[in-house]
C-alpha atoms as a PDB file:
ATOM      1  CA  MET A   1     -68.184 -17.657 -31.696  1.00  0.00           C
ATOM      2  CA  LYS A   2     -65.674 -18.187 -34.288  1.00  0.00           C
ATOM      3  CA  SER A   3     -66.185 -21.898 -33.894  1.00  0.00           C
ATOM      4  CA  ILE A   4     -69.801 -21.648 -34.456  1.00  0.00           C
ATOM      5  CA  PHE A   5     -69.221 -19.882 -37.607  1.00  0.00           C
ATOM      6  CA  LEU A   6     -66.573 -22.388 -38.706  1.00  0.00           C
ATOM      7  CA  VAL A   7     -69.080 -25.483 -37.973  1.00  0.00           C
ATOM      8  CA  GLY A   8     -71.518 -23.410 -39.849  1.00  0.00           C
ATOM      9  CA  ILE A   9     -69.102 -23.365 -42.865  1.00  0.00           C
ATOM     10  CA  ALA A  10     -68.598 -26.917 -42.737  1.00  0.00           C
ATOM     11  CA  ILE A  11     -72.252 -27.813 -42.555  1.00  0.00           C
ATOM     12  CA  LEU A  12     -72.988 -25.610 -45.715  1.00  0.00           C
ATOM     13  CA  THR A  13     -69.844 -26.730 -47.844  1.00  0.00           C
ATOM     14  CA  ALA A  14     -70.171 -30.460 -46.786  1.00  0.00           C
ATOM     15  CA  ALA A  15     -72.307 -31.359 -49.604  1.00  0.00           C
ATOM     16  CA  ALA A  16     -70.157 -29.217 -52.048  1.00  0.00           C
ATOM     17  CA  THR A  17     -68.110 -31.407 -54.476  1.00  0.00           C
ATOM     18  CA  SER A  18     -66.754 -28.846 -56.594  1.00  0.00           C
ATOM     19  CA  THR A  19     -64.920 -25.482 -56.741  1.00  0.00           C
ATOM     20  CA  HIS A  20     -67.907 -23.781 -58.070  1.00  0.00           C
ATOM     21  CA  ALA A  21     -70.274 -25.178 -55.421  1.00  0.00           C
ATOM     22  CA  ASP A  22     -67.979 -24.318 -52.648  1.00  0.00           C
ATOM     23  CA  ASP A  23     -67.727 -20.664 -54.175  1.00  0.00           C
ATOM     24  CA  SER A  24     -71.592 -20.819 -54.350  1.00  0.00           C
ATOM     25  CA  SER A  25     -71.982 -21.752 -50.605  1.00  0.00           C
ATOM     26  CA  CYS A  26     -69.336 -19.032 -49.623  1.00  0.00           C
ATOM     27  CA  LYS A  27     -71.383 -16.376 -51.475  1.00  0.00           C
ATOM     28  CA  LYS A  28     -74.333 -17.101 -49.570  1.00  0.00           C
ATOM     29  CA  ILE A  29     -72.293 -16.746 -46.461  1.00  0.00           C
ATOM     30  CA  SER A  30     -70.774 -13.402 -47.672  1.00  0.00           C
ATOM     31  CA  ALA A  31     -74.474 -12.378 -48.344  1.00  0.00           C
ATOM     32  CA  LEU A  32     -75.432 -13.287 -44.859  1.00  0.00           C
ATOM     33  CA  ALA A  33     -72.359 -11.232 -43.366  1.00  0.00           C
ATOM     34  CA  GLY A  34     -73.337  -8.331 -45.635  1.00  0.00           C
ATOM     35  CA  GLN A  35     -76.894  -8.123 -44.397  1.00  0.00           C
ATOM     36  CA  ALA A  36     -75.594  -8.482 -40.653  1.00  0.00           C
ATOM     37  CA  MET A  37     -73.150  -5.897 -40.991  1.00  0.00           C
ATOM     38  CA  THR A  38     -75.109  -3.434 -42.901  1.00  0.00           C
ATOM     39  CA  ALA A  39     -77.912  -3.777 -40.173  1.00  0.00           C
ATOM     40  CA  ARG A  40     -75.422  -3.057 -37.391  1.00  0.00           C
ATOM     41  CA  GLN A  41     -73.771  -0.198 -39.653  1.00  0.00           C
ATOM     42  CA  ASN A  42     -77.407   1.288 -40.054  1.00  0.00           C
ATOM     43  CA  GLY A  43     -78.112   1.116 -36.375  1.00  0.00           C
ATOM     44  CA  GLU A  44     -80.599  -1.551 -36.135  1.00  0.00           C
ATOM     45  CA  LEU A  45     -81.353  -3.282 -32.716  1.00  0.00           C
ATOM     46  CA  LEU A  46     -79.840  -6.430 -32.455  1.00  0.00           C
ATOM     47  CA  GLU A  47     -83.226  -8.117 -31.529  1.00  0.00           C
ATOM     48  CA  ASP A  48     -84.709  -7.026 -34.817  1.00  0.00           C
ATOM     49  CA  ALA A  49     -81.828  -7.991 -37.025  1.00  0.00           C
ATOM     50  CA  LEU A  50     -82.002 -11.649 -35.246  1.00  0.00           C
ATOM     51  CA  ASP A  51     -85.736 -11.626 -36.440  1.00  0.00           C
ATOM     52  CA  LYS A  52     -85.177 -10.330 -39.847  1.00  0.00           C
ATOM     53  CA  ILE A  53     -81.752 -11.856 -41.157  1.00  0.00           C
ATOM     54  CA  GLY A  54     -81.151 -15.254 -42.033  1.00  0.00           C
ATOM     55  CA  ASP A  55     -82.747 -18.198 -41.519  1.00  0.00           C
ATOM     56  CA  GLY A  56     -82.810 -18.430 -37.908  1.00  0.00           C
ATOM     57  CA  SER A  57     -80.195 -20.904 -37.485  1.00  0.00           C
ATOM     58  CA  LYS A  58     -77.170 -21.039 -35.018  1.00  0.00           C
ATOM     59  CA  PHE A  59     -74.796 -20.131 -37.941  1.00  0.00           C
ATOM     60  CA  ALA A  60     -77.108 -17.238 -38.955  1.00  0.00           C
ATOM     61  CA  ARG A  61     -77.351 -16.252 -35.295  1.00  0.00           C
ATOM     62  CA  GLY A  62     -73.483 -16.425 -35.002  1.00  0.00           C
ATOM     63  CA  MET A  63     -72.895 -14.328 -37.996  1.00  0.00           C
ATOM     64  CA  ILE A  64     -75.351 -11.562 -36.840  1.00  0.00           C
ATOM     65  CA  LEU A  65     -73.812 -11.512 -33.200  1.00  0.00           C
ATOM     66  CA  ARG A  66     -70.492 -11.313 -34.789  1.00  0.00           C
ATOM     67  CA  ALA A  67     -71.244  -8.444 -36.628  1.00  0.00           C
ATOM     68  CA  TYR A  68     -72.954  -6.863 -33.797  1.00  0.00           C
ATOM     69  CA  LYS A  69     -69.326  -7.025 -31.793  1.00  0.00           C
ATOM     70  CA  ARG A  70     -67.931  -4.543 -34.664  1.00  0.00           C
ATOM     71  CA  PRO A  71     -68.283  -0.947 -33.692  1.00  0.00           C
ATOM     72  CA  VAL A  72     -70.359   1.380 -35.925  1.00  0.00           C
ATOM     73  CA  ALA A  73     -68.498   3.690 -38.005  1.00  0.00           C
ATOM     74  CA  MET A  74     -69.430   7.385 -38.042  1.00  0.00           C
ATOM     75  CA  VAL A  75     -68.895   8.180 -41.636  1.00  0.00           C
ATOM     76  CA  ASP A  76     -71.346   6.306 -44.636  1.00  0.00           C
ATOM     77  CA  THR A  77     -68.082   5.605 -46.783  1.00  0.00           C
ATOM     78  CA  LEU A  78     -66.683   3.947 -43.765  1.00  0.00           C
ATOM     79  CA  LYS A  79     -70.055   2.259 -42.707  1.00  0.00           C
ATOM     80  CA  GLU A  80     -69.642   0.698 -46.457  1.00  0.00           C
ATOM     81  CA  ASP A  81     -66.065  -0.077 -45.941  1.00  0.00           C
ATOM     82  CA  SER A  82     -66.833  -2.103 -42.680  1.00  0.00           C
ATOM     83  CA  VAL A  83     -69.873  -4.006 -44.670  1.00  0.00           C
ATOM     84  CA  LYS A  84     -67.147  -5.031 -47.383  1.00  0.00           C
ATOM     85  CA  GLU A  85     -64.531  -6.053 -45.041  1.00  0.00           C
ATOM     86  CA  PHE A  86     -66.705  -8.154 -42.960  1.00  0.00           C
ATOM     87  CA  GLN A  87     -68.125  -9.678 -46.160  1.00  0.00           C
ATOM     88  CA  ASN A  88     -64.588 -10.410 -47.442  1.00  0.00           C
ATOM     89  CA  GLU A  89     -63.365 -11.883 -43.967  1.00  0.00           C
ATOM     90  CA  ALA A  90     -66.507 -14.330 -44.090  1.00  0.00           C
ATOM     91  CA  PHE A  91     -65.806 -15.240 -47.753  1.00  0.00           C
ATOM     92  CA  ARG A  92     -62.170 -15.575 -47.161  1.00  0.00           C
ATOM     93  CA  GLU A  93     -62.718 -17.952 -44.129  1.00  0.00           C
ATOM     94  CA  CYS A  94     -65.090 -20.018 -45.833  1.00  0.00           C
ATOM     95  CA  LEU A  95     -62.715 -20.531 -48.997  1.00  0.00           C
ATOM     96  CA  ASP A  96     -60.086 -21.407 -46.290  1.00  0.00           C
ATOM     97  CA  ALA A  97     -62.233 -24.068 -44.460  1.00  0.00           C
ATOM     98  CA  ASN A  98     -62.833 -25.703 -47.785  1.00  0.00           C
ATOM     99  CA  GLY A  99     -58.884 -25.949 -48.278  1.00  0.00           C
END
C-alpha cells in the first residue's frame, strides 16, 4: 500500500518544477489524507468513503484504505489529533519524495 502511495506522489509531483508547485501538490495530498481520516474517525463505512472521497484514482483509493487501517479514537480530541497526524504524515512523505 505504501508503494501505491509513493507512486501516486511521484505522479502528482512529476510535473512540478518549483518548490511552490511541489508544496501545492503535497497540500492536495494532505487534504485527501485529512478527508480520508476524518471519514474513518467519524465511523463512516469504507464503501461510502471510497465513493465520496477523492477522484476514484488508485492513489485516492490507496490513501483511503491506508486511513481505514488505523484505529478509531474514542475521544473527539484524539480523533482530531489522528486526522492531523495522518495529514502531516502524508505531507511529510510527499515532501520527502520530492527531495
